[in-house]
């Protein structure tokens, strides 16, 4: 179940969930770092719901 105003982002090939965004902030997407082929290609701007940030 998805909250109203929240869009889940899934892979069109395998259906894996890799992120999401809200209708209130459509230019901002939360991407799961583990879904990237090269996590070092992007610099995280923040971390959420973690005990420690990405180093």
N, C-alpha and C. Protein backbone atom coordinates (compact mmCIF):
# COMPACT_ATOMS: atom_id res chain seq x y z
N UNK A 1 0.83 -1.19 0.00
CA UNK A 1 0.00 0.00 0.00
C UNK A 1 0.87 1.24 0.00
N UNK A 2 0.47 2.22 -0.78
CA UNK A 2 1.20 3.47 -0.88
C UNK A 2 0.36 4.59 -0.29
N UNK A 3 1.00 5.51 0.40
CA UNK A 3 0.29 6.66 0.95
C UNK A 3 -0.19 7.56 -0.17
N UNK A 4 -1.32 8.25 0.02
CA UNK A 4 -1.79 9.19 -1.00
C UNK A 4 -0.72 10.25 -1.28
N UNK A 5 -0.48 10.54 -2.56
CA UNK A 5 0.51 11.54 -2.93
C UNK A 5 1.92 11.02 -3.03
N UNK A 6 2.12 9.71 -2.81
CA UNK A 6 3.46 9.11 -2.89
C UNK A 6 3.51 8.16 -4.08
N UNK A 7 4.51 8.33 -4.92
CA UNK A 7 4.69 7.47 -6.08
C UNK A 7 5.87 6.54 -5.85
N UNK A 8 5.63 5.26 -5.92
CA UNK A 8 6.72 4.27 -5.83
C UNK A 8 7.38 4.17 -7.19
N UNK A 9 8.70 4.08 -7.20
CA UNK A 9 9.45 3.96 -8.45
C UNK A 9 9.98 2.53 -8.53
N UNK A 10 9.56 1.81 -9.58
CA UNK A 10 9.94 0.41 -9.74
C UNK A 10 10.59 0.18 -11.10
N UNK A 11 11.39 -0.86 -11.17
CA UNK A 11 12.05 -1.27 -12.41
C UNK A 11 11.00 -1.84 -13.36
N UNK A 12 11.01 -1.37 -14.61
CA UNK A 12 10.03 -1.86 -15.59
C UNK A 12 10.35 -3.28 -16.07
N UNK A 13 11.57 -3.76 -15.78
CA UNK A 13 11.96 -5.10 -16.21
C UNK A 13 11.64 -6.14 -15.14
N UNK A 14 12.13 -5.90 -13.90
CA UNK A 14 11.98 -6.92 -12.86
C UNK A 14 10.97 -6.55 -11.77
N UNK A 15 10.54 -5.28 -11.73
CA UNK A 15 9.56 -4.86 -10.74
C UNK A 15 10.13 -4.48 -9.39
N UNK A 16 11.46 -4.49 -9.24
CA UNK A 16 12.09 -4.13 -7.96
C UNK A 16 11.83 -2.67 -7.62
N UNK A 17 11.55 -2.41 -6.35
CA UNK A 17 11.37 -1.05 -5.87
C UNK A 17 12.74 -0.40 -5.70
N UNK A 18 12.96 0.76 -6.31
CA UNK A 18 14.26 1.42 -6.16
C UNK A 18 14.15 2.84 -5.62
N UNK A 19 12.95 3.34 -5.41
CA UNK A 19 12.83 4.69 -4.86
C UNK A 19 11.39 5.16 -4.88
N UNK A 20 11.24 6.47 -4.65
CA UNK A 20 9.92 7.06 -4.66
C UNK A 20 9.99 8.57 -4.55
N UNK A 21 8.83 9.21 -4.71
CA UNK A 21 8.75 10.66 -4.56
C UNK A 21 7.32 11.04 -4.19
N UNK A 22 7.19 12.25 -3.65
CA UNK A 22 5.88 12.74 -3.25
C UNK A 22 5.39 13.80 -4.23
N UNK A 23 4.09 13.95 -4.32
CA UNK A 23 3.52 14.96 -5.21
C UNK A 23 3.81 16.37 -4.69
N UNK A 24 4.08 16.52 -3.39
CA UNK A 24 4.38 17.83 -2.83
C UNK A 24 5.79 18.31 -3.18
N UNK A 25 6.70 17.39 -3.51
CA UNK A 25 8.08 17.72 -3.90
C UNK A 25 8.46 16.89 -5.12
N UNK A 26 7.82 17.12 -6.28
CA UNK A 26 8.03 16.25 -7.45
C UNK A 26 9.45 16.28 -8.03
N UNK A 27 10.23 17.31 -7.72
CA UNK A 27 11.60 17.38 -8.25
C UNK A 27 12.60 16.62 -7.39
N UNK A 28 12.15 16.11 -6.25
CA UNK A 28 13.03 15.37 -5.34
C UNK A 28 12.61 13.91 -5.33
N UNK A 29 13.56 13.02 -5.57
CA UNK A 29 13.29 11.59 -5.54
C UNK A 29 14.22 10.93 -4.53
N UNK A 30 13.69 10.00 -3.77
CA UNK A 30 14.50 9.21 -2.84
C UNK A 30 14.88 7.92 -3.56
N UNK A 31 16.17 7.71 -3.76
CA UNK A 31 16.67 6.54 -4.48
C UNK A 31 17.42 5.64 -3.51
N UNK A 32 17.13 4.37 -3.52
CA UNK A 32 17.84 3.41 -2.67
C UNK A 32 19.24 3.19 -3.23
N UNK A 33 20.25 3.51 -2.46
CA UNK A 33 21.64 3.42 -2.93
C UNK A 33 22.00 2.01 -3.38
N UNK A 34 21.44 1.00 -2.76
CA UNK A 34 21.73 -0.37 -3.14
C UNK A 34 21.20 -0.75 -4.52
N UNK A 35 20.34 0.09 -5.09
CA UNK A 35 19.81 -0.20 -6.42
C UNK A 35 20.68 0.34 -7.55
N UNK A 36 21.70 1.12 -7.21
CA UNK A 36 22.57 1.71 -8.23
C UNK A 36 23.72 0.77 -8.59
N UNK A 37 24.06 0.72 -9.87
CA UNK A 37 25.21 -0.07 -10.31
C UNK A 37 26.50 0.50 -9.74
N UNK A 38 26.59 1.84 -9.66
CA UNK A 38 27.78 2.51 -9.14
C UNK A 38 27.35 3.57 -8.13
N UNK A 39 27.19 3.20 -6.86
CA UNK A 39 26.75 4.16 -5.84
C UNK A 39 27.67 5.37 -5.71
N UNK A 40 28.93 5.24 -6.11
CA UNK A 40 29.87 6.35 -6.01
C UNK A 40 29.65 7.40 -7.10
N UNK A 41 28.77 7.13 -8.06
CA UNK A 41 28.49 8.08 -9.13
C UNK A 41 27.68 9.28 -8.63
N UNK A 42 27.07 9.16 -7.45
CA UNK A 42 26.25 10.23 -6.89
C UNK A 42 26.69 10.53 -5.47
N UNK A 43 26.57 11.78 -5.08
CA UNK A 43 26.87 12.19 -3.71
C UNK A 43 25.54 12.34 -2.97
N UNK A 44 25.32 11.55 -1.91
CA UNK A 44 24.07 11.67 -1.16
C UNK A 44 23.93 13.07 -0.55
N UNK A 45 22.73 13.61 -0.60
CA UNK A 45 22.44 14.92 -0.01
C UNK A 45 21.97 14.78 1.43
N UNK A 46 21.42 13.60 1.78
CA UNK A 46 20.96 13.35 3.15
C UNK A 46 20.79 11.85 3.32
N UNK A 47 20.62 11.42 4.56
CA UNK A 47 20.33 10.02 4.84
C UNK A 47 19.12 9.97 5.76
N UNK A 48 18.28 8.96 5.57
CA UNK A 48 17.05 8.83 6.33
C UNK A 48 16.92 7.43 6.91
N UNK A 49 16.42 7.35 8.12
CA UNK A 49 16.12 6.07 8.75
C UNK A 49 17.31 5.12 8.79
N UNK A 50 18.47 5.65 9.09
CA UNK A 50 19.67 4.82 9.18
C UNK A 50 20.38 5.11 10.48
N UNK A 51 21.16 4.15 10.93
CA UNK A 51 21.94 4.39 12.15
C UNK A 51 23.22 5.14 11.82
N UNK A 52 23.65 5.10 10.55
CA UNK A 52 24.82 5.87 10.14
C UNK A 52 24.68 6.23 8.66
N UNK A 53 25.29 7.34 8.29
CA UNK A 53 25.20 7.78 6.90
C UNK A 53 26.18 7.04 6.01
N UNK A 54 25.95 7.14 4.70
CA UNK A 54 26.85 6.53 3.73
C UNK A 54 28.20 7.21 3.83
N UNK A 55 29.27 6.42 3.89
CA UNK A 55 30.59 7.03 4.02
C UNK A 55 31.26 7.18 2.68
